[in-house]
Amino acid sequence: MNCLEKLRKSEKLTQAEMAQTLGVSASFYSKIELGIRKPSRDFLIRIKENFPMCDMNIFFAELLHITCDN
């Protein structure tokens, strides 16, 4: 389970509800959560605006881990 999925589940939201909260399509959100697309700066800003308690370092730590392991 990735950090975005953990955040969504901790808020007890479906992918569609999370997408609606963030103002993106469910398809776009799903691709980011599954790792098919990388989150854009705008997407990360929307997460921080909607979930201010979220430690944004979790996104960068996960990306750094992926980058360093390759």
N, C-alpha and C. Protein backbone atom coordinates (compact mmCIF):
# COMPACT_ATOMS: atom_id res chain seq x y z
N MET A 1 0.86 -1.18 0.00
CA MET A 1 0.00 0.00 0.00
C MET A 1 0.90 1.24 0.00
N ASN A 2 0.66 2.16 -0.93
CA ASN A 2 1.49 3.35 -0.99
C ASN A 2 0.97 4.44 -0.05
N CYS A 3 1.74 5.52 0.07
CA CYS A 3 1.40 6.57 1.02
C CYS A 3 0.07 7.25 0.68
N LEU A 4 -0.23 7.41 -0.58
CA LEU A 4 -1.48 8.06 -0.97
C LEU A 4 -2.68 7.18 -0.62
N GLU A 5 -2.55 5.90 -0.83
CA GLU A 5 -3.61 4.97 -0.48
C GLU A 5 -3.81 4.96 1.04
N LYS A 6 -2.73 4.99 1.79
CA LYS A 6 -2.82 5.03 3.26
C LYS A 6 -3.56 6.28 3.72
N LEU A 7 -3.23 7.42 3.12
CA LEU A 7 -3.90 8.67 3.47
C LEU A 7 -5.39 8.57 3.19
N ARG A 8 -5.73 8.09 2.00
CA ARG A 8 -7.14 7.97 1.60
C ARG A 8 -7.90 7.05 2.55
N LYS A 9 -7.31 5.90 2.86
CA LYS A 9 -7.99 4.95 3.73
C LYS A 9 -8.09 5.46 5.17
N SER A 10 -7.10 6.23 5.61
CA SER A 10 -7.17 6.79 6.96
C SER A 10 -8.32 7.79 7.08
N GLU A 11 -8.67 8.40 5.95
CA GLU A 11 -9.80 9.34 5.90
C GLU A 11 -11.12 8.64 5.58
N LYS A 12 -11.05 7.31 5.38
CA LYS A 12 -12.22 6.49 5.06
C LYS A 12 -12.95 6.99 3.79
N LEU A 13 -12.14 7.24 2.76
CA LEU A 13 -12.66 7.70 1.47
C LEU A 13 -12.43 6.65 0.39
N THR A 14 -13.35 6.58 -0.55
CA THR A 14 -13.14 5.76 -1.74
C THR A 14 -12.24 6.55 -2.69
N GLN A 15 -11.75 5.89 -3.73
CA GLN A 15 -10.95 6.61 -4.72
C GLN A 15 -11.77 7.73 -5.36
N ALA A 16 -13.03 7.46 -5.65
CA ALA A 16 -13.89 8.47 -6.28
C ALA A 16 -14.11 9.66 -5.35
N GLU A 17 -14.30 9.39 -4.07
CA GLU A 17 -14.49 10.48 -3.10
C GLU A 17 -13.22 11.31 -2.94
N MET A 18 -12.09 10.63 -2.92
CA MET A 18 -10.81 11.33 -2.79
C MET A 18 -10.57 12.20 -4.02
N ALA A 19 -10.86 11.66 -5.19
CA ALA A 19 -10.71 12.43 -6.43
C ALA A 19 -11.59 13.66 -6.40
N GLN A 20 -12.82 13.49 -5.97
CA GLN A 20 -13.76 14.62 -5.90
C GLN A 20 -13.24 15.67 -4.91
N THR A 21 -12.75 15.24 -3.79
CA THR A 21 -12.20 16.15 -2.79
C THR A 21 -11.04 16.96 -3.36
N LEU A 22 -10.23 16.32 -4.18
CA LEU A 22 -9.05 16.97 -4.75
C LEU A 22 -9.34 17.70 -6.06
N GLY A 23 -10.56 17.55 -6.58
CA GLY A 23 -10.93 18.23 -7.81
C GLY A 23 -10.30 17.65 -9.06
N VAL A 24 -10.09 16.33 -9.05
CA VAL A 24 -9.55 15.64 -10.23
C VAL A 24 -10.49 14.49 -10.59
N SER A 25 -10.31 13.94 -11.77
CA SER A 25 -11.14 12.81 -12.16
C SER A 25 -10.74 11.57 -11.38
N ALA A 26 -11.68 10.65 -11.22
CA ALA A 26 -11.40 9.40 -10.53
C ALA A 26 -10.33 8.61 -11.28
N SER A 27 -10.37 8.65 -12.59
CA SER A 27 -9.38 7.94 -13.41
C SER A 27 -7.98 8.50 -13.17
N PHE A 28 -7.85 9.81 -13.16
CA PHE A 28 -6.56 10.46 -12.93
C PHE A 28 -6.04 10.12 -11.54
N TYR A 29 -6.91 10.23 -10.54
CA TYR A 29 -6.51 9.91 -9.16
C TYR A 29 -6.04 8.46 -9.05
N SER A 30 -6.80 7.55 -9.64
CA SER A 30 -6.47 6.13 -9.58
C SER A 30 -5.08 5.87 -10.16
N LYS A 31 -4.76 6.52 -11.27
CA LYS A 31 -3.46 6.33 -11.91
C LYS A 31 -2.33 6.81 -11.02
N ILE A 32 -2.55 7.90 -10.29
CA ILE A 32 -1.53 8.39 -9.38
C ILE A 32 -1.37 7.43 -8.21
N GLU A 33 -2.50 7.00 -7.65
CA GLU A 33 -2.42 6.08 -6.50
C GLU A 33 -1.76 4.76 -6.88
N LEU A 34 -2.00 4.28 -8.08
CA LEU A 34 -1.40 3.02 -8.54
C LEU A 34 0.04 3.17 -9.01
N GLY A 35 0.51 4.41 -9.09
CA GLY A 35 1.89 4.64 -9.52
C GLY A 35 2.08 4.68 -11.02
N ILE A 36 0.97 4.72 -11.76
CA ILE A 36 1.05 4.80 -13.23
C ILE A 36 1.47 6.20 -13.65
N ARG A 37 1.02 7.20 -12.89
CA ARG A 37 1.40 8.60 -13.12
C ARG A 37 2.03 9.15 -11.86
N LYS A 38 2.92 10.09 -12.01
CA LYS A 38 3.55 10.77 -10.87
C LYS A 38 2.68 11.97 -10.48
N PRO A 39 2.58 12.25 -9.18
CA PRO A 39 1.80 13.42 -8.77
C PRO A 39 2.49 14.71 -9.19
N SER A 40 1.70 15.63 -9.72
CA SER A 40 2.25 16.93 -10.12
C SER A 40 2.34 17.83 -8.89
N ARG A 41 3.02 18.93 -9.05
CA ARG A 41 3.13 19.92 -7.96
C ARG A 41 1.74 20.40 -7.58
N ASP A 42 0.89 20.69 -8.56
CA ASP A 42 -0.47 21.15 -8.31
C ASP A 42 -1.27 20.11 -7.53
N PHE A 43 -1.10 18.86 -7.87
CA PHE A 43 -1.80 17.78 -7.18
C PHE A 43 -1.36 17.73 -5.71
N LEU A 44 -0.06 17.85 -5.46
CA LEU A 44 0.45 17.83 -4.10
C LEU A 44 -0.03 19.04 -3.30
N ILE A 45 -0.14 20.19 -3.96
CA ILE A 45 -0.67 21.38 -3.30
C ILE A 45 -2.12 21.14 -2.89
N ARG A 46 -2.90 20.52 -3.76
CA ARG A 46 -4.31 20.23 -3.44
C ARG A 46 -4.42 19.27 -2.25
N ILE A 47 -3.52 18.31 -2.17
CA ILE A 47 -3.53 17.40 -1.02
C ILE A 47 -3.25 18.18 0.26
N LYS A 48 -2.24 19.04 0.21
CA LYS A 48 -1.87 19.82 1.40
C LYS A 48 -3.00 20.76 1.81
N GLU A 49 -3.70 21.34 0.85
CA GLU A 49 -4.82 22.23 1.15
C GLU A 49 -5.97 21.47 1.80
N ASN A 50 -6.24 20.27 1.32
CA ASN A 50 -7.37 19.48 1.81
C ASN A 50 -7.04 18.63 3.02
N PHE A 51 -5.77 18.29 3.18
CA PHE A 51 -5.33 17.45 4.30
C PHE A 51 -4.10 18.09 4.93
N PRO A 52 -4.29 19.23 5.62
CA PRO A 52 -3.14 19.98 6.15
C PRO A 52 -2.32 19.18 7.16
N MET A 53 -2.91 18.18 7.77
CA MET A 53 -2.18 17.37 8.74
C MET A 53 -1.24 16.37 8.07
N CYS A 54 -1.36 16.23 6.76
CA CYS A 54 -0.55 15.26 6.02
C CYS A 54 0.90 15.74 5.94
N ASP A 55 1.82 14.87 6.32
CA ASP A 55 3.24 15.15 6.21
C ASP A 55 3.65 14.89 4.76
N MET A 56 3.91 15.95 4.02
CA MET A 56 4.21 15.82 2.60
C MET A 56 5.52 15.07 2.34
N ASN A 57 6.35 14.92 3.33
CA ASN A 57 7.60 14.18 3.15
C ASN A 57 7.36 12.72 2.81
N ILE A 58 6.18 12.19 3.15
CA ILE A 58 5.91 10.79 2.82
C ILE A 58 5.93 10.57 1.31
N PHE A 59 5.52 11.57 0.55
CA PHE A 59 5.53 11.43 -0.90
C PHE A 59 6.96 11.43 -1.42
N PHE A 60 7.78 12.31 -0.89
CA PHE A 60 9.14 12.42 -1.37
C PHE A 60 10.00 11.26 -0.89
N ALA A 61 9.77 10.78 0.31
CA ALA A 61 10.52 9.63 0.81
C ALA A 61 10.24 8.41 -0.05
N GLU A 62 8.98 8.22 -0.43
CA GLU A 62 8.63 7.08 -1.27
C GLU A 62 9.28 7.20 -2.64
N LEU A 63 9.26 8.38 -3.24
CA LEU A 63 9.88 8.59 -4.54
C LEU A 63 11.39 8.43 -4.46
N LEU A 64 12.00 8.91 -3.39
CA LEU A 64 13.44 8.77 -3.21
C LEU A 64 13.82 7.30 -3.09
N HIS A 65 13.03 6.54 -2.35
CA HIS A 65 13.28 5.12 -2.18
C HIS A 65 13.22 4.40 -3.53
N ILE A 66 12.22 4.73 -4.31
CA ILE A 66 12.07 4.10 -5.64
C ILE A 66 13.27 4.47 -6.52
N THR A 67 13.65 5.73 -6.50
CA THR A 67 14.75 6.21 -7.33
C THR A 67 16.06 5.55 -6.93
N CYS A 68 16.31 5.47 -5.64
CA CYS A 68 17.58 4.92 -5.16
C CYS A 68 17.68 3.41 -5.34
N ASP A 69 16.55 2.73 -5.37
CA ASP A 69 16.58 1.28 -5.53
C ASP A 69 16.76 0.85 -6.98
N ASN A 70 16.57 1.74 -7.90
CA ASN A 70 16.69 1.39 -9.34
C ASN A 70 18.09 1.50 -9.82
